[in-house]
Amino acid sequence: MNERIKELAEQAWDDTKEKFGSFVDDGGEVDFTFLHEWTEKFAELIVKECAWTIRMTEFGDNMTQEQIARHIEDHFRVGK
């Protein structure tokens, strides 16, 4: 897994664990509320990271959507 994505996943896990305490409920079963919250937090962090990288980059007036998309892919080291 890409290092930055791994860091965001761990941050989402820590934030969710802080809120819920554990991903296992009192009966020893997986707490799907925890997993749902983690998934939402992870997605939120990825979107925030995408927005941040766009805000921190100087784009020329002629920047295409494809170039901006490529910039985000490069930031996360993912893509084609």
C-alpha atoms as a PDB file:
ATOM      1  CA  MET A   1       0.000   0.000   0.000  1.00  0.00           C
ATOM      2  CA  ASN A   2       1.189   3.524  -0.770  1.00  0.00           C
ATOM      3  CA  GLU A   3       2.863   5.072   2.288  1.00  0.00           C
ATOM      4  CA  ARG A   4       0.657   8.187   2.448  1.00  0.00           C
ATOM      5  CA  ILE A   5      -2.532   6.145   2.047  1.00  0.00           C
ATOM      6  CA  LYS A   6      -1.280   3.810   4.782  1.00  0.00           C
ATOM      7  CA  GLU A   7      -0.698   6.812   7.068  1.00  0.00           C
ATOM      8  CA  LEU A   8      -4.220   8.107   6.406  1.00  0.00           C
ATOM      9  CA  ALA A   9      -5.697   4.654   7.077  1.00  0.00           C
ATOM     10  CA  GLU A  10      -3.820   4.476  10.386  1.00  0.00           C
ATOM     11  CA  GLN A  11      -4.945   7.980  11.343  1.00  0.00           C
ATOM     12  CA  ALA A  12      -8.564   7.053  10.571  1.00  0.00           C
ATOM     13  CA  TRP A  13      -8.140   3.871  12.635  1.00  0.00           C
ATOM     14  CA  ASP A  14      -6.701   5.774  15.594  1.00  0.00           C
ATOM     15  CA  ASP A  15      -9.436   8.432  15.449  1.00  0.00           C
ATOM     16  CA  THR A  16     -12.163   5.789  15.264  1.00  0.00           C
ATOM     17  CA  LYS A  17     -10.571   3.700  18.015  1.00  0.00           C
ATOM     18  CA  GLU A  18     -10.434   6.798  20.216  1.00  0.00           C
ATOM     19  CA  LYS A  19     -14.163   7.297  19.634  1.00  0.00           C
ATOM     20  CA  PHE A  20     -15.295   3.665  19.981  1.00  0.00           C
ATOM     21  CA  GLY A  21     -12.508   1.967  21.916  1.00  0.00           C
ATOM     22  CA  SER A  22     -12.458  -1.240  19.887  1.00  0.00           C
ATOM     23  CA  PHE A  23     -13.629  -2.768  16.643  1.00  0.00           C
ATOM     24  CA  VAL A  24     -14.919  -5.787  18.596  1.00  0.00           C
ATOM     25  CA  ASP A  25     -18.125  -5.482  20.601  1.00  0.00           C
ATOM     26  CA  ASP A  26     -18.735  -6.915  24.093  1.00  0.00           C
ATOM     27  CA  GLY A  27     -19.762 -10.269  22.608  1.00  0.00           C
ATOM     28  CA  GLY A  28     -16.507 -10.632  20.698  1.00  0.00           C
ATOM     29  CA  GLU A  29     -18.145  -9.860  17.351  1.00  0.00           C
ATOM     30  CA  VAL A  30     -16.898  -7.304  14.853  1.00  0.00           C
ATOM     31  CA  ASP A  31     -18.567  -3.961  15.532  1.00  0.00           C
ATOM     32  CA  PHE A  32     -19.813  -2.897  12.111  1.00  0.00           C
ATOM     33  CA  THR A  33     -20.570   0.597  13.411  1.00  0.00           C
ATOM     34  CA  PHE A  34     -16.851   0.939  14.142  1.00  0.00           C
ATOM     35  CA  LEU A  35     -15.947  -0.273  10.656  1.00  0.00           C
ATOM     36  CA  HIS A  36     -18.502   2.058   9.067  1.00  0.00           C
ATOM     37  CA  GLU A  37     -17.103   5.014  11.040  1.00  0.00           C
ATOM     38  CA  TRP A  38     -13.535   4.058  10.094  1.00  0.00           C
ATOM     39  CA  THR A  39     -14.455   3.835   6.409  1.00  0.00           C
ATOM     40  CA  GLU A  40     -16.104   7.254   6.489  1.00  0.00           C
ATOM     41  CA  LYS A  41     -13.156   8.806   8.351  1.00  0.00           C
ATOM     42  CA  PHE A  42     -10.653   7.260   5.932  1.00  0.00           C
ATOM     43  CA  ALA A  43     -12.574   8.580   2.921  1.00  0.00           C
ATOM     44  CA  GLU A  44     -12.824  12.024   4.550  1.00  0.00           C
ATOM     45  CA  LEU A  45      -9.063  12.138   5.112  1.00  0.00           C
ATOM     46  CA  ILE A  46      -8.373  11.177   1.491  1.00  0.00           C
ATOM     47  CA  VAL A  47     -10.688  13.918   0.194  1.00  0.00           C
ATOM     48  CA  LYS A  48      -9.078  16.467   2.518  1.00  0.00           C
ATOM     49  CA  GLU A  49      -5.625  15.398   1.319  1.00  0.00           C
ATOM     50  CA  CYS A  50      -6.712  15.823  -2.318  1.00  0.00           C
ATOM     51  CA  ALA A  51      -8.110  19.299  -1.594  1.00  0.00           C
ATOM     52  CA  TRP A  52      -4.951  20.243   0.313  1.00  0.00           C
ATOM     53  CA  THR A  53      -2.625  19.179  -2.490  1.00  0.00           C
ATOM     54  CA  ILE A  54      -4.635  21.215  -5.018  1.00  0.00           C
ATOM     55  CA  ARG A  55      -4.615  24.286  -2.755  1.00  0.00           C
ATOM     56  CA  MET A  56      -0.867  24.022  -2.223  1.00  0.00           C
ATOM     57  CA  THR A  57      -0.028  23.767  -5.923  1.00  0.00           C
ATOM     58  CA  GLU A  58       0.401  26.675  -8.294  1.00  0.00           C
ATOM     59  CA  PHE A  59      -1.466  25.771 -11.450  1.00  0.00           C
ATOM     60  CA  GLY A  60      -1.200  27.775 -14.625  1.00  0.00           C
ATOM     61  CA  ASP A  61      -4.267  29.243 -16.298  1.00  0.00           C
ATOM     62  CA  ASN A  62      -4.165  26.571 -18.994  1.00  0.00           C
ATOM     63  CA  MET A  63      -4.120  23.585 -16.630  1.00  0.00           C
ATOM     64  CA  THR A  64      -6.371  20.820 -17.897  1.00  0.00           C
ATOM     65  CA  GLN A  65      -8.537  18.565 -15.792  1.00  0.00           C
ATOM     66  CA  GLU A  66      -6.309  15.660 -16.828  1.00  0.00           C
ATOM     67  CA  GLN A  67      -3.201  17.466 -15.548  1.00  0.00           C
ATOM     68  CA  ILE A  68      -4.877  18.221 -12.216  1.00  0.00           C
ATOM     69  CA  ALA A  69      -6.042  14.605 -11.920  1.00  0.00           C
ATOM     70  CA  ARG A  70      -2.505  13.403 -12.727  1.00  0.00           C
ATOM     71  CA  HIS A  71      -1.160  15.726 -10.016  1.00  0.00           C
ATOM     72  CA  ILE A  72      -3.418  14.072  -7.415  1.00  0.00           C
ATOM     73  CA  GLU A  73      -2.420  10.593  -8.622  1.00  0.00           C
ATOM     74  CA  ASP A  74       1.234  11.559  -8.428  1.00  0.00           C
ATOM     75  CA  HIS A  75       0.755  12.921  -4.918  1.00  0.00           C
ATOM     76  CA  PHE A  76      -0.570   9.545  -3.755  1.00  0.00           C
ATOM     77  CA  ARG A  77       1.787   7.649  -6.086  1.00  0.00           C
ATOM     78  CA  VAL A  78      -1.120   5.844  -7.746  1.00  0.00           C
ATOM     79  CA  GLY A  79      -2.463   5.850 -11.261  1.00  0.00           C
ATOM     80  CA  LYS A  80      -2.209   4.030 -14.517  1.00  0.00           C
END
